[in-house]
Amino acid sequence: MNENKSTEIKISSTAENILSQITSNTKLGDLRKIAKDIKKDHELAMELWSTGEFLPRLLAILIMDKKLLSPEVLNELDQDMQTHTFDERNNLMDWLMANQLTKDKKTLVLMGSWQQSPSALQRRAFWYYQGRLRWTGQTSPDNTADLLAVMEAAITQEEPEVQWAMNFTAGWIGVYDEKNRARCIELGEKTGLYKDEVVSKGCTPNYLPEFITIEVNKRHNN
């Protein structure tokens, strides 16, 4: 899906019609409604993806056929995401992870191999998924000690997009895993990541000591 491949894809009238419905005011909920009507259509997804535009690519992810997301295809999607701004490419990978990669055993296994991927976006997906596993509040996987050791050794050297996902994972480990809570708080104190971040009213800070304390208190008060 590099530039040359994209130019080979002719946009169908169906794709043109869908693209005409997407404007700068289109919300994620609107994309989900469109996707619900389309259901699964991988060929159409690739047409929408070939536009190189952010919102059509979000919609494309929703209607992809997860069984066709081979390692080669995912690497190409990853490369295509690099053409977007920092926030957009992170959003695209997170959207892909949540709506496709977590829905199939093969892609789950593949994502589990991305911890050491040369792609920062793939490493982000690995860590963000580990955080989501804890976020549910269910029994945590048995790799918590290994993950914490990696975070303690490497989080300050990671790319910003991966750093955030690692921090996210440490935060939810600290919230739900009482025996590792102090260790996660200490990680935040040592790194100082997000300590000076200003967040909107009602939002939980990403700074681990504050994040963990606030989220634990929420659960105790409920």
N, C-alpha and C. Protein backbone atom coordinates (compact mmCIF):
# COMPACT_ATOMS: atom_id res chain seq x y z
N MET A 1 0.80 -1.20 0.00
CA MET A 1 0.00 0.00 0.00
C MET A 1 0.84 1.26 0.00
N ASN A 2 1.97 1.18 -0.65
CA ASN A 2 2.76 2.38 -0.81
C ASN A 2 2.10 3.27 -1.86
N GLU A 3 2.72 4.38 -2.16
CA GLU A 3 2.08 5.35 -3.06
C GLU A 3 1.78 4.76 -4.42
N ASN A 4 2.69 3.97 -4.95
CA ASN A 4 2.49 3.39 -6.27
C ASN A 4 1.31 2.42 -6.29
N LYS A 5 1.20 1.61 -5.23
CA LYS A 5 0.09 0.67 -5.17
C LYS A 5 -1.24 1.41 -5.05
N SER A 6 -1.24 2.49 -4.26
CA SER A 6 -2.48 3.22 -4.06
C SER A 6 -3.01 3.80 -5.37
N THR A 7 -2.13 4.26 -6.23
CA THR A 7 -2.57 4.87 -7.47
C THR A 7 -3.17 3.84 -8.43
N GLU A 8 -2.90 2.55 -8.17
CA GLU A 8 -3.44 1.52 -9.04
C GLU A 8 -4.90 1.20 -8.73
N ILE A 9 -5.38 1.64 -7.57
CA ILE A 9 -6.74 1.33 -7.16
C ILE A 9 -7.70 2.38 -7.70
N LYS A 10 -8.63 1.94 -8.53
CA LYS A 10 -9.63 2.84 -9.08
C LYS A 10 -10.79 2.93 -8.11
N ILE A 11 -11.19 4.14 -7.79
CA ILE A 11 -12.28 4.34 -6.84
C ILE A 11 -13.62 4.05 -7.52
N SER A 12 -14.38 3.15 -6.94
CA SER A 12 -15.68 2.77 -7.50
C SER A 12 -16.74 3.82 -7.15
N SER A 13 -17.88 3.73 -7.80
CA SER A 13 -18.98 4.65 -7.50
C SER A 13 -19.46 4.46 -6.07
N THR A 14 -19.40 3.22 -5.58
CA THR A 14 -19.80 2.96 -4.19
C THR A 14 -18.89 3.71 -3.23
N ALA A 15 -17.59 3.62 -3.48
CA ALA A 15 -16.63 4.32 -2.63
C ALA A 15 -16.82 5.83 -2.74
N GLU A 16 -17.03 6.31 -3.95
CA GLU A 16 -17.25 7.75 -4.14
C GLU A 16 -18.46 8.23 -3.35
N ASN A 17 -19.52 7.43 -3.36
CA ASN A 17 -20.74 7.79 -2.63
C ASN A 17 -20.48 7.87 -1.13
N ILE A 18 -19.72 6.90 -0.64
CA ILE A 18 -19.40 6.91 0.80
C ILE A 18 -18.52 8.09 1.14
N LEU A 19 -17.52 8.35 0.31
CA LEU A 19 -16.62 9.47 0.57
C LEU A 19 -17.37 10.80 0.59
N SER A 20 -18.42 10.90 -0.20
CA SER A 20 -19.21 12.14 -0.24
C SER A 20 -19.95 12.39 1.08
N GLN A 21 -20.12 11.32 1.87
CA GLN A 21 -20.82 11.44 3.15
C GLN A 21 -19.88 11.84 4.29
N ILE A 22 -18.58 11.83 4.02
CA ILE A 22 -17.59 12.11 5.06
C ILE A 22 -17.08 13.53 4.90
N THR A 23 -17.25 14.34 5.94
CA THR A 23 -16.76 15.72 5.93
C THR A 23 -15.91 15.94 7.17
N SER A 24 -15.38 17.13 7.30
CA SER A 24 -14.55 17.45 8.46
C SER A 24 -15.37 17.42 9.76
N ASN A 25 -16.70 17.47 9.63
CA ASN A 25 -17.57 17.44 10.80
C ASN A 25 -18.03 16.03 11.17
N THR A 26 -17.62 15.03 10.38
CA THR A 26 -18.03 13.66 10.64
C THR A 26 -17.41 13.16 11.95
N LYS A 27 -18.23 12.54 12.78
CA LYS A 27 -17.78 12.02 14.07
C LYS A 27 -17.52 10.51 13.97
N LEU A 28 -16.84 9.98 14.98
CA LEU A 28 -16.58 8.54 14.99
C LEU A 28 -17.87 7.74 15.01
N GLY A 29 -18.85 8.25 15.72
CA GLY A 29 -20.15 7.58 15.74
C GLY A 29 -20.79 7.52 14.37
N ASP A 30 -20.60 8.57 13.57
CA ASP A 30 -21.12 8.58 12.21
C ASP A 30 -20.45 7.51 11.37
N LEU A 31 -19.13 7.36 11.55
CA LEU A 31 -18.39 6.33 10.80
C LEU A 31 -18.90 4.94 11.18
N ARG A 32 -19.19 4.75 12.45
CA ARG A 32 -19.69 3.44 12.90
C ARG A 32 -21.05 3.14 12.29
N LYS A 33 -21.88 4.15 12.15
CA LYS A 33 -23.19 3.95 11.53
C LYS A 33 -23.04 3.55 10.06
N ILE A 34 -22.13 4.23 9.36
CA ILE A 34 -21.89 3.88 7.95
C ILE A 34 -21.36 2.45 7.86
N ALA A 35 -20.42 2.12 8.74
CA ALA A 35 -19.83 0.78 8.73
C ALA A 35 -20.86 -0.29 9.05
N LYS A 36 -21.80 0.02 9.91
CA LYS A 36 -22.84 -0.95 10.28
C LYS A 36 -23.69 -1.30 9.07
N ASP A 37 -23.94 -0.32 8.22
CA ASP A 37 -24.71 -0.57 7.00
C ASP A 37 -23.91 -1.38 5.99
N ILE A 38 -22.62 -1.11 5.91
CA ILE A 38 -21.77 -1.81 4.94
C ILE A 38 -21.45 -3.23 5.41
N LYS A 39 -21.26 -3.37 6.72
CA LYS A 39 -20.78 -4.63 7.33
C LYS A 39 -19.33 -4.88 6.92
N LYS A 40 -19.00 -6.04 6.39
CA LYS A 40 -17.61 -6.35 6.04
C LYS A 40 -17.44 -6.30 4.53
N ASP A 41 -16.46 -5.51 4.08
CA ASP A 41 -16.19 -5.40 2.64
C ASP A 41 -14.72 -4.98 2.49
N HIS A 42 -13.85 -5.97 2.40
CA HIS A 42 -12.42 -5.68 2.40
C HIS A 42 -11.98 -4.91 1.16
N GLU A 43 -12.57 -5.24 0.03
CA GLU A 43 -12.21 -4.54 -1.21
C GLU A 43 -12.56 -3.06 -1.11
N LEU A 44 -13.74 -2.78 -0.60
CA LEU A 44 -14.16 -1.40 -0.40
C LEU A 44 -13.26 -0.72 0.64
N ALA A 45 -12.89 -1.46 1.67
CA ALA A 45 -12.00 -0.91 2.68
C ALA A 45 -10.69 -0.45 2.06
N MET A 46 -10.15 -1.25 1.15
CA MET A 46 -8.89 -0.89 0.51
C MET A 46 -9.03 0.32 -0.40
N GLU A 47 -10.20 0.47 -1.01
CA GLU A 47 -10.46 1.67 -1.81
C GLU A 47 -10.44 2.90 -0.92
N LEU A 48 -11.14 2.81 0.21
CA LEU A 48 -11.19 3.95 1.13
C LEU A 48 -9.81 4.24 1.70
N TRP A 49 -9.07 3.18 2.01
CA TRP A 49 -7.73 3.35 2.55
C TRP A 49 -6.82 4.05 1.54
N SER A 50 -7.01 3.74 0.27
CA SER A 50 -6.13 4.27 -0.77
C SER A 50 -6.23 5.79 -0.92
N THR A 51 -7.28 6.40 -0.33
CA THR A 51 -7.41 7.86 -0.42
C THR A 51 -6.32 8.58 0.37
N GLY A 52 -5.77 7.88 1.37
CA GLY A 52 -4.76 8.51 2.21
C GLY A 52 -5.32 9.48 3.22
N GLU A 53 -6.65 9.59 3.30
CA GLU A 53 -7.29 10.53 4.21
C GLU A 53 -7.62 9.87 5.54
N PHE A 54 -7.54 10.63 6.61
CA PHE A 54 -7.70 10.10 7.97
C PHE A 54 -9.07 9.46 8.22
N LEU A 55 -10.15 10.21 8.02
CA LEU A 55 -11.48 9.68 8.33
C LEU A 55 -11.87 8.50 7.44
N PRO A 56 -11.64 8.56 6.12
CA PRO A 56 -11.90 7.37 5.30
C PRO A 56 -11.09 6.16 5.75
N ARG A 57 -9.89 6.39 6.23
CA ARG A 57 -9.08 5.26 6.70
C ARG A 57 -9.63 4.68 8.01
N LEU A 58 -10.16 5.53 8.87
CA LEU A 58 -10.83 5.01 10.07
C LEU A 58 -12.02 4.14 9.69
N LEU A 59 -12.80 4.61 8.72
CA LEU A 59 -13.94 3.81 8.25
C LEU A 59 -13.46 2.52 7.62
N ALA A 60 -12.40 2.60 6.83
CA ALA A 60 -11.85 1.40 6.18
C ALA A 60 -11.51 0.33 7.20
N ILE A 61 -10.92 0.74 8.31
CA ILE A 61 -10.55 -0.22 9.35
C ILE A 61 -11.78 -0.97 9.86
N LEU A 62 -12.88 -0.27 9.99
CA LEU A 62 -14.09 -0.89 10.54
C LEU A 62 -14.66 -1.98 9.63
N ILE A 63 -14.45 -1.89 8.33
CA ILE A 63 -15.07 -2.84 7.41
C ILE A 63 -14.07 -3.82 6.81
N MET A 64 -12.83 -3.79 7.30
CA MET A 64 -11.84 -4.77 6.82
C MET A 64 -12.22 -6.19 7.23
N ASP A 65 -11.72 -7.15 6.47
CA ASP A 65 -11.87 -8.56 6.82
C ASP A 65 -10.64 -8.96 7.63
N LYS A 66 -10.83 -9.21 8.92
CA LYS A 66 -9.70 -9.50 9.80
C LYS A 66 -8.90 -10.72 9.37
N LYS A 67 -9.54 -11.63 8.67
CA LYS A 67 -8.85 -12.85 8.23
C LYS A 67 -7.86 -12.56 7.09
N LEU A 68 -7.97 -11.38 6.49
CA LEU A 68 -7.06 -11.00 5.42
C LEU A 68 -5.92 -10.10 5.92
N LEU A 69 -5.88 -9.87 7.22
CA LEU A 69 -4.84 -9.00 7.78
C LEU A 69 -3.60 -9.83 8.12
N SER A 70 -2.88 -10.20 7.09
CA SER A 70 -1.64 -10.96 7.25
C SER A 70 -0.55 -10.05 7.79
N PRO A 71 0.57 -10.61 8.26
CA PRO A 71 1.68 -9.76 8.70
C PRO A 71 2.14 -8.79 7.62
N GLU A 72 2.13 -9.24 6.38
CA GLU A 72 2.57 -8.37 5.27
C GLU A 72 1.60 -7.20 5.09
N VAL A 73 0.31 -7.49 5.12
CA VAL A 73 -0.69 -6.43 4.97
C VAL A 73 -0.59 -5.45 6.13
N LEU A 74 -0.44 -5.95 7.34
CA LEU A 74 -0.34 -5.07 8.50
C LEU A 74 0.90 -4.21 8.45
N ASN A 75 1.99 -4.74 7.95
CA ASN A 75 3.20 -3.93 7.79
C ASN A 75 2.98 -2.82 6.77
N GLU A 76 2.22 -3.11 5.73
CA GLU A 76 1.93 -2.09 4.72
C GLU A 76 1.01 -1.02 5.30
N LEU A 77 0.01 -1.44 6.07
CA LEU A 77 -0.86 -0.47 6.71
C LEU A 77 -0.06 0.42 7.65
N ASP A 78 0.85 -0.18 8.37
CA ASP A 78 1.73 0.55 9.28
C ASP A 78 2.52 1.61 8.51
N GLN A 79 3.10 1.22 7.39
CA GLN A 79 3.87 2.17 6.58
C GLN A 79 3.00 3.31 6.09
N ASP A 80 1.79 3.00 5.69
CA ASP A 80 0.86 4.04 5.22
C ASP A 80 0.51 5.01 6.34
N MET A 81 0.41 4.51 7.56
CA MET A 81 0.07 5.38 8.69
C MET A 81 1.15 6.42 8.93
N GLN A 82 2.37 6.14 8.51
CA GLN A 82 3.48 7.06 8.76
C GLN A 82 3.31 8.39 8.01
N THR A 83 2.42 8.42 7.03
CA THR A 83 2.20 9.66 6.27
C THR A 83 1.32 10.64 7.05
N HIS A 84 0.73 10.18 8.14
CA HIS A 84 -0.18 11.02 8.92
C HIS A 84 0.56 11.77 10.03
N THR A 85 -0.13 12.72 10.62
CA THR A 85 0.43 13.43 11.76
C THR A 85 0.59 12.47 12.94
N PHE A 86 1.32 12.89 13.95
CA PHE A 86 1.59 12.05 15.13
C PHE A 86 0.28 11.54 15.74
N ASP A 87 -0.65 12.44 16.00
CA ASP A 87 -1.91 12.03 16.65
C ASP A 87 -2.73 11.13 15.74
N GLU A 88 -2.78 11.45 14.45
CA GLU A 88 -3.59 10.66 13.53
C GLU A 88 -3.07 9.24 13.39
N ARG A 89 -1.76 9.09 13.26
CA ARG A 89 -1.24 7.73 13.08
C ARG A 89 -1.41 6.90 14.35
N ASN A 90 -1.30 7.53 15.51
CA ASN A 90 -1.57 6.81 16.75
C ASN A 90 -3.03 6.39 16.82
N ASN A 91 -3.92 7.30 16.44
CA ASN A 91 -5.35 6.98 16.45
C ASN A 91 -5.68 5.85 15.48
N LEU A 92 -5.05 5.86 14.32
CA LEU A 92 -5.29 4.80 13.34
C LEU A 92 -4.85 3.45 13.88
N MET A 93 -3.67 3.38 14.47
CA MET A 93 -3.19 2.11 15.01
C MET A 93 -4.05 1.65 16.19
N ASP A 94 -4.43 2.58 17.07
CA ASP A 94 -5.27 2.21 18.21
C ASP A 94 -6.63 1.70 17.73
N TRP A 95 -7.17 2.33 16.71
CA TRP A 95 -8.46 1.95 16.12
C TRP A 95 -8.36 0.57 15.48
N LEU A 96 -7.24 0.34 14.78
CA LEU A 96 -7.00 -0.97 14.16
C LEU A 96 -6.88 -2.05 15.23
N MET A 97 -6.16 -1.74 16.29
CA MET A 97 -5.99 -2.70 17.38
C MET A 97 -7.33 -3.05 18.00
N ALA A 98 -8.12 -2.04 18.33
CA ALA A 98 -9.37 -2.27 19.05
C ALA A 98 -10.44 -2.92 18.19
N ASN A 99 -10.50 -2.56 16.91
CA ASN A 99 -11.60 -3.00 16.06
C ASN A 99 -11.29 -4.22 15.20
N GLN A 100 -10.01 -4.57 15.07
CA GLN A 100 -9.65 -5.71 14.23
C GLN A 100 -8.69 -6.69 14.92
N LEU A 101 -7.57 -6.18 15.40
CA LEU A 101 -6.52 -7.07 15.89
C LEU A 101 -6.93 -7.87 17.11
N THR A 102 -7.83 -7.32 17.92
CA THR A 102 -8.28 -8.03 19.12
C THR A 102 -9.41 -9.03 18.83
N LYS A 103 -9.86 -9.08 17.59
CA LYS A 103 -11.04 -9.88 17.26
C LYS A 103 -10.71 -11.25 16.67
N ASP A 104 -9.44 -11.55 16.49
CA ASP A 104 -9.07 -12.81 15.84
C ASP A 104 -7.84 -13.39 16.55
N LYS A 105 -7.84 -14.69 16.76
CA LYS A 105 -6.75 -15.34 17.49
C LYS A 105 -5.41 -15.15 16.79
N LYS A 106 -5.41 -15.21 15.46
CA LYS A 106 -4.15 -15.09 14.72
C LYS A 106 -3.54 -13.71 14.88
N THR A 107 -4.37 -12.68 14.80
CA THR A 107 -3.83 -11.32 14.93
C THR A 107 -3.49 -11.01 16.39
N LEU A 108 -4.17 -11.64 17.32
CA LEU A 108 -3.80 -11.48 18.73
C LEU A 108 -2.40 -12.04 18.97
N VAL A 109 -2.14 -13.21 18.41
CA VAL A 109 -0.82 -13.82 18.55
C VAL A 109 0.24 -12.94 17.89
N LEU A 110 -0.09 -12.42 16.71
CA LEU A 110 0.84 -11.55 15.99
C LEU A 110 1.13 -10.30 16.81
N MET A 111 0.09 -9.68 17.34
CA MET A 111 0.29 -8.47 18.13
C MET A 111 1.14 -8.76 19.37
N GLY A 112 1.00 -9.97 19.91
CA GLY A 112 1.80 -10.35 21.05
C GLY A 112 3.28 -10.46 20.74
N SER A 113 3.63 -10.53 19.45
CA SER A 113 5.03 -10.63 19.04
C SER A 113 5.63 -9.25 18.75
N TRP A 114 4.86 -8.20 18.91
CA TRP A 114 5.31 -6.86 18.53
C TRP A 114 6.07 -6.11 19.63
N GLN A 115 6.31 -6.72 20.75
CA GLN A 115 7.00 -6.02 21.83
C GLN A 115 8.36 -5.50 21.37
N GLN A 116 9.04 -6.27 20.52
CA GLN A 116 10.36 -5.88 20.03
C GLN A 116 10.33 -5.45 18.57
N SER A 117 9.17 -5.13 18.04
CA SER A 117 9.06 -4.74 16.64
C SER A 117 9.87 -3.48 16.35
N PRO A 118 10.47 -3.38 15.17
CA PRO A 118 11.16 -2.14 14.80
C PRO A 118 10.20 -0.98 14.60
N SER A 119 8.91 -1.27 14.47
CA SER A 119 7.90 -0.23 14.28
C SER A 119 7.39 0.27 15.62
N ALA A 120 7.52 1.58 15.84
CA ALA A 120 7.02 2.16 17.08
C ALA A 120 5.51 1.99 17.20
N LEU A 121 4.79 2.07 16.09
CA LEU A 121 3.34 1.90 16.13
C LEU A 121 2.96 0.48 16.54
N GLN A 122 3.70 -0.50 16.08
CA GLN A 122 3.41 -1.87 16.46
C GLN A 122 3.75 -2.11 17.93
N ARG A 123 4.84 -1.52 18.40
CA ARG A 123 5.16 -1.62 19.83
C ARG A 123 4.08 -0.93 20.66
N ARG A 124 3.59 0.20 20.16
CA ARG A 124 2.50 0.88 20.86
C ARG A 124 1.28 -0.03 20.97
N ALA A 125 0.94 -0.71 19.88
CA ALA A 125 -0.22 -1.62 19.89
C ALA A 125 -0.03 -2.73 20.91
N PHE A 126 1.18 -3.28 20.97
CA PHE A 126 1.46 -4.33 21.96
C PHE A 126 1.18 -3.82 23.36
N TRP A 127 1.74 -2.68 23.70
CA TRP A 127 1.61 -2.18 25.07
C TRP A 127 0.20 -1.69 25.38
N TYR A 128 -0.42 -1.05 24.41
CA TYR A 128 -1.78 -0.56 24.65
C TYR A 128 -2.73 -1.73 24.89
N TYR A 129 -2.53 -2.82 24.16
CA TYR A 129 -3.37 -3.99 24.36
C TYR A 129 -3.14 -4.59 25.75
N GLN A 130 -1.88 -4.63 26.20
CA GLN A 130 -1.61 -5.12 27.54
C GLN A 130 -2.32 -4.27 28.59
N GLY A 131 -2.36 -2.97 28.37
CA GLY A 131 -3.09 -2.08 29.28
C GLY A 131 -4.58 -2.34 29.25
N ARG A 132 -5.11 -2.56 28.07
CA ARG A 132 -6.55 -2.83 27.94
C ARG A 132 -6.94 -4.13 28.63
N LEU A 133 -6.05 -5.11 28.61
CA LEU A 133 -6.34 -6.37 29.30
C LEU A 133 -6.53 -6.12 30.80
N ARG A 134 -5.75 -5.21 31.36
CA ARG A 134 -5.88 -4.90 32.79
C ARG A 134 -7.06 -3.97 33.05
N TRP A 135 -7.32 -3.10 32.11
CA TRP A 135 -8.37 -2.09 32.23
C TRP A 135 -9.73 -2.74 32.49
N THR A 136 -9.94 -3.90 31.97
CA THR A 136 -11.22 -4.59 32.16
C THR A 136 -11.43 -5.00 33.61
N GLY A 137 -10.34 -5.04 34.39
CA GLY A 137 -10.48 -5.43 35.78
C GLY A 137 -10.59 -6.92 35.98
N GLN A 138 -10.40 -7.67 34.92
CA GLN A 138 -10.46 -9.12 35.03
C GLN A 138 -9.10 -9.65 35.49
N THR A 139 -8.99 -10.95 35.61
CA THR A 139 -7.73 -11.55 36.03
C THR A 139 -6.63 -11.18 35.04
N SER A 140 -5.56 -10.59 35.56
CA SER A 140 -4.48 -10.14 34.69
C SER A 140 -3.70 -11.32 34.13
N PRO A 141 -3.14 -11.17 32.93
CA PRO A 141 -2.24 -12.20 32.39
C PRO A 141 -1.05 -12.40 33.33
N ASP A 142 -0.33 -13.49 33.14
CA ASP A 142 0.75 -13.81 34.06
C ASP A 142 2.09 -13.18 33.66
N ASN A 143 2.06 -12.19 32.78
CA ASN A 143 3.32 -11.57 32.33
C ASN A 143 3.58 -10.22 32.99
N THR A 144 2.84 -9.91 34.06
CA THR A 144 2.96 -8.59 34.68
C THR A 144 4.38 -8.30 35.15
N ALA A 145 5.02 -9.25 35.82
CA ALA A 145 6.37 -9.01 36.34
C ALA A 145 7.36 -8.72 35.20
N ASP A 146 7.22 -9.46 34.11
CA ASP A 146 8.11 -9.24 32.96
C ASP A 146 7.88 -7.86 32.35
N LEU A 147 6.61 -7.47 32.22
CA LEU A 147 6.29 -6.16 31.65
C LEU A 147 6.84 -5.04 32.51
N LEU A 148 6.67 -5.16 33.82
CA LEU A 148 7.17 -4.11 34.72
C LEU A 148 8.69 -3.99 34.63
N ALA A 149 9.37 -5.12 34.52
CA ALA A 149 10.83 -5.09 34.40
C ALA A 149 11.26 -4.37 33.13
N VAL A 150 10.55 -4.62 32.04
CA VAL A 150 10.87 -3.95 30.77
C VAL A 150 10.60 -2.45 30.88
N MET A 151 9.46 -2.09 31.47
CA MET A 151 9.13 -0.68 31.62
C MET A 151 10.15 0.05 32.48
N GLU A 152 10.54 -0.55 33.56
CA GLU A 152 11.52 0.08 34.45
C GLU A 152 12.86 0.29 33.74
N ALA A 153 13.20 -0.62 32.85
CA ALA A 153 14.50 -0.54 32.16
C ALA A 153 14.46 0.37 30.93
N ALA A 154 13.30 0.47 30.28
CA ALA A 154 13.31 1.05 28.93
C ALA A 154 12.32 2.18 28.67
N ILE A 155 11.39 2.46 29.57
CA ILE A 155 10.33 3.40 29.23
C ILE A 155 10.87 4.79 28.90
N THR A 156 11.92 5.22 29.57
CA THR A 156 12.42 6.58 29.30
C THR A 156 13.15 6.68 27.96
N GLN A 157 13.55 5.54 27.40
CA GLN A 157 14.25 5.56 26.10
C GLN A 157 13.30 5.33 24.93
N GLU A 158 12.05 5.02 25.22
CA GLU A 158 11.12 4.68 24.14
C GLU A 158 10.61 5.91 23.39
N GLU A 159 10.07 5.65 22.20
CA GLU A 159 9.43 6.71 21.42
C GLU A 159 8.20 7.21 22.19
N PRO A 160 7.83 8.48 22.02
CA PRO A 160 6.71 9.04 22.80
C PRO A 160 5.41 8.25 22.68
N GLU A 161 5.11 7.75 21.48
CA GLU A 161 3.85 7.03 21.32
C GLU A 161 3.85 5.69 22.06
N VAL A 162 5.04 5.08 22.16
CA VAL A 162 5.17 3.82 22.89
C VAL A 162 5.22 4.10 24.39
N GLN A 163 5.89 5.16 24.74
CA GLN A 163 6.02 5.58 26.14
C GLN A 163 4.63 5.76 26.76
N TRP A 164 3.75 6.41 26.02
CA TRP A 164 2.39 6.63 26.54
C TRP A 164 1.69 5.29 26.80
N ALA A 165 1.82 4.36 25.87
CA ALA A 165 1.14 3.06 26.02
C ALA A 165 1.74 2.25 27.17
N MET A 166 3.05 2.32 27.34
CA MET A 166 3.68 1.67 28.49
C MET A 166 3.15 2.26 29.79
N ASN A 167 3.09 3.58 29.84
CA ASN A 167 2.60 4.27 31.02
C ASN A 167 1.15 3.90 31.31
N PHE A 168 0.35 3.79 30.26
CA PHE A 168 -1.05 3.38 30.37
C PHE A 168 -1.15 2.00 31.01
N THR A 169 -0.29 1.09 30.56
CA THR A 169 -0.27 -0.27 31.10
C THR A 169 0.14 -0.27 32.57
N ALA A 170 1.20 0.48 32.88
CA ALA A 170 1.63 0.56 34.28
C ALA A 170 0.53 1.14 35.16
N GLY A 171 -0.20 2.10 34.62
CA GLY A 171 -1.28 2.71 35.38
C GLY A 171 -2.34 1.71 35.78
N TRP A 172 -2.77 0.90 34.83
CA TRP A 172 -3.84 -0.05 35.12
C TRP A 172 -3.35 -1.25 35.90
N ILE A 173 -2.07 -1.60 35.77
CA ILE A 173 -1.51 -2.61 36.66
C ILE A 173 -1.59 -2.08 38.10
N GLY A 174 -1.21 -0.84 38.28
CA GLY A 174 -1.23 -0.23 39.61
C GLY A 174 -2.61 -0.14 40.21
N VAL A 175 -3.60 0.08 39.38
CA VAL A 175 -4.98 0.18 39.87
C VAL A 175 -5.52 -1.17 40.32
N TYR A 176 -5.31 -2.19 39.51
CA TYR A 176 -5.96 -3.48 39.77
C TYR A 176 -5.08 -4.52 40.45
N ASP A 177 -3.76 -4.31 40.46
CA ASP A 177 -2.85 -5.30 41.04
C ASP A 177 -2.22 -4.69 42.29
N GLU A 178 -2.85 -4.93 43.42
CA GLU A 178 -2.45 -4.25 44.65
C GLU A 178 -1.01 -4.55 45.04
N LYS A 179 -0.55 -5.76 44.78
CA LYS A 179 0.81 -6.12 45.20
C LYS A 179 1.87 -5.39 44.37
N ASN A 180 1.51 -4.92 43.20
CA ASN A 180 2.45 -4.18 42.35
C ASN A 180 2.17 -2.68 42.32
N ARG A 181 1.22 -2.24 43.14
CA ARG A 181 0.80 -0.83 43.09
C ARG A 181 1.94 0.12 43.44
N ALA A 182 2.63 -0.17 44.54
CA ALA A 182 3.71 0.71 44.97
C ALA A 182 4.82 0.76 43.92
N ARG A 183 5.07 -0.36 43.27
CA ARG A 183 6.11 -0.43 42.23
C ARG A 183 5.74 0.46 41.05
N CYS A 184 4.46 0.47 40.68
CA CYS A 184 4.01 1.31 39.56
C CYS A 184 4.06 2.78 39.92
N ILE A 185 3.69 3.11 41.15
CA ILE A 185 3.77 4.50 41.60
C ILE A 185 5.23 4.96 41.61
N GLU A 186 6.11 4.09 42.08
CA GLU A 186 7.53 4.42 42.12
C GLU A 186 8.08 4.64 40.71
N LEU A 187 7.60 3.85 39.74
CA LEU A 187 8.02 4.03 38.35
C LEU A 187 7.69 5.44 37.88
N GLY A 188 6.50 5.90 38.19
CA GLY A 188 6.11 7.25 37.81
C GLY A 188 6.93 8.31 38.50
N GLU A 189 7.23 8.09 39.78
CA GLU A 189 8.03 9.06 40.53
C GLU A 189 9.45 9.14 39.97
N LYS A 190 10.01 8.00 39.62
CA LYS A 190 11.38 7.97 39.10
C LYS A 190 11.50 8.61 37.72
N THR A 191 10.53 8.31 36.84
CA THR A 191 10.61 8.84 35.47
C THR A 191 10.10 10.27 35.38
N GLY A 192 9.14 10.61 36.23
CA GLY A 192 8.53 11.94 36.16
C GLY A 192 7.68 12.16 34.93
N LEU A 193 7.38 11.08 34.20
CA LEU A 193 6.61 11.23 32.97
C LEU A 193 5.23 11.80 33.25
N TYR A 194 4.87 12.83 32.51
CA TYR A 194 3.56 13.48 32.55
C TYR A 194 3.30 14.21 33.87
N LYS A 195 4.33 14.42 34.67
CA LYS A 195 4.13 15.07 35.97
C LYS A 195 3.60 16.48 35.81
N ASP A 196 4.06 17.19 34.80
CA ASP A 196 3.66 18.58 34.60
C ASP A 196 2.55 18.72 33.56
N GLU A 197 1.97 17.61 33.15
CA GLU A 197 0.91 17.65 32.14
C GLU A 197 -0.34 18.31 32.70
N VAL A 198 -0.91 19.21 31.91
CA VAL A 198 -2.16 19.86 32.28
C VAL A 198 -3.31 19.13 31.59
N VAL A 199 -4.27 18.65 32.36
CA VAL A 199 -5.40 17.90 31.78
C VAL A 199 -6.69 18.69 31.97
N SER A 200 -7.64 18.39 31.11
CA SER A 200 -8.94 19.06 31.18
C SER A 200 -9.68 18.66 32.46
N LYS A 201 -10.58 19.50 32.88
CA LYS A 201 -11.37 19.24 34.08
C LYS A 201 -12.13 17.93 33.93
N GLY A 202 -12.04 17.08 34.94
CA GLY A 202 -12.73 15.80 34.90
C GLY A 202 -11.90 14.67 34.32
N CYS A 203 -10.74 14.99 33.75
CA CYS A 203 -9.87 13.96 33.17
C CYS A 203 -8.82 13.53 34.21
N THR A 204 -8.45 12.28 34.16
CA THR A 204 -7.44 11.76 35.08
C THR A 204 -6.05 12.01 34.52
N PRO A 205 -5.14 12.58 35.32
CA PRO A 205 -3.77 12.82 34.83
C PRO A 205 -3.06 11.51 34.48
N ASN A 206 -2.13 11.58 33.54
CA ASN A 206 -1.35 10.40 33.17
C ASN A 206 -0.18 10.12 34.12
N TYR A 207 0.16 11.09 34.96
CA TYR A 207 1.25 10.90 35.92
C TYR A 207 0.87 9.76 36.86
N LEU A 208 1.66 8.70 36.88
CA LEU A 208 1.26 7.46 37.54
C LEU A 208 0.84 7.61 39.00
N PRO A 209 1.58 8.32 39.84
CA PRO A 209 1.12 8.43 41.24
C PRO A 209 -0.28 9.03 41.35
N GLU A 210 -0.58 10.03 40.54
CA GLU A 210 -1.91 10.65 40.58
C GLU A 210 -2.95 9.75 39.92
N PHE A 211 -2.61 9.20 38.77
CA PHE A 211 -3.55 8.34 38.04
C PHE A 211 -4.00 7.17 38.90
N ILE A 212 -3.04 6.47 39.49
CA ILE A 212 -3.36 5.27 40.27
C ILE A 212 -4.17 5.64 41.50
N THR A 213 -3.78 6.70 42.20
CA THR A 213 -4.49 7.11 43.40
C THR A 213 -5.94 7.48 43.09
N ILE A 214 -6.13 8.27 42.04
CA ILE A 214 -7.49 8.71 41.67
C ILE A 214 -8.36 7.53 41.26
N GLU A 215 -7.81 6.64 40.41
CA GLU A 215 -8.61 5.52 39.90
C GLU A 215 -8.91 4.50 41.00
N VAL A 216 -7.98 4.28 41.91
CA VAL A 216 -8.24 3.36 43.04
C VAL A 216 -9.33 3.93 43.93
N ASN A 217 -9.25 5.24 44.21
CA ASN A 217 -10.25 5.88 45.06
C ASN A 217 -11.63 5.82 44.43
N LYS A 218 -11.70 5.97 43.12
CA LYS A 218 -12.99 5.88 42.42
C LYS A 218 -13.64 4.54 42.70
N ARG A 219 -12.84 3.48 42.64
CA ARG A 219 -13.39 2.13 42.82
C ARG A 219 -13.75 1.83 44.26
N HIS A 220 -13.02 2.44 45.18
CA HIS A 220 -13.34 2.24 46.59
C HIS A 220 -14.60 3.00 46.99
N ASN A 221 -14.82 4.13 46.32
CA ASN A 221 -15.97 4.97 46.66
C ASN A 221 -17.27 4.48 46.04
N ASN A 222 -17.14 3.59 45.02
CA ASN A 222 -18.35 3.11 44.33
C ASN A 222 -18.97 1.98 45.07
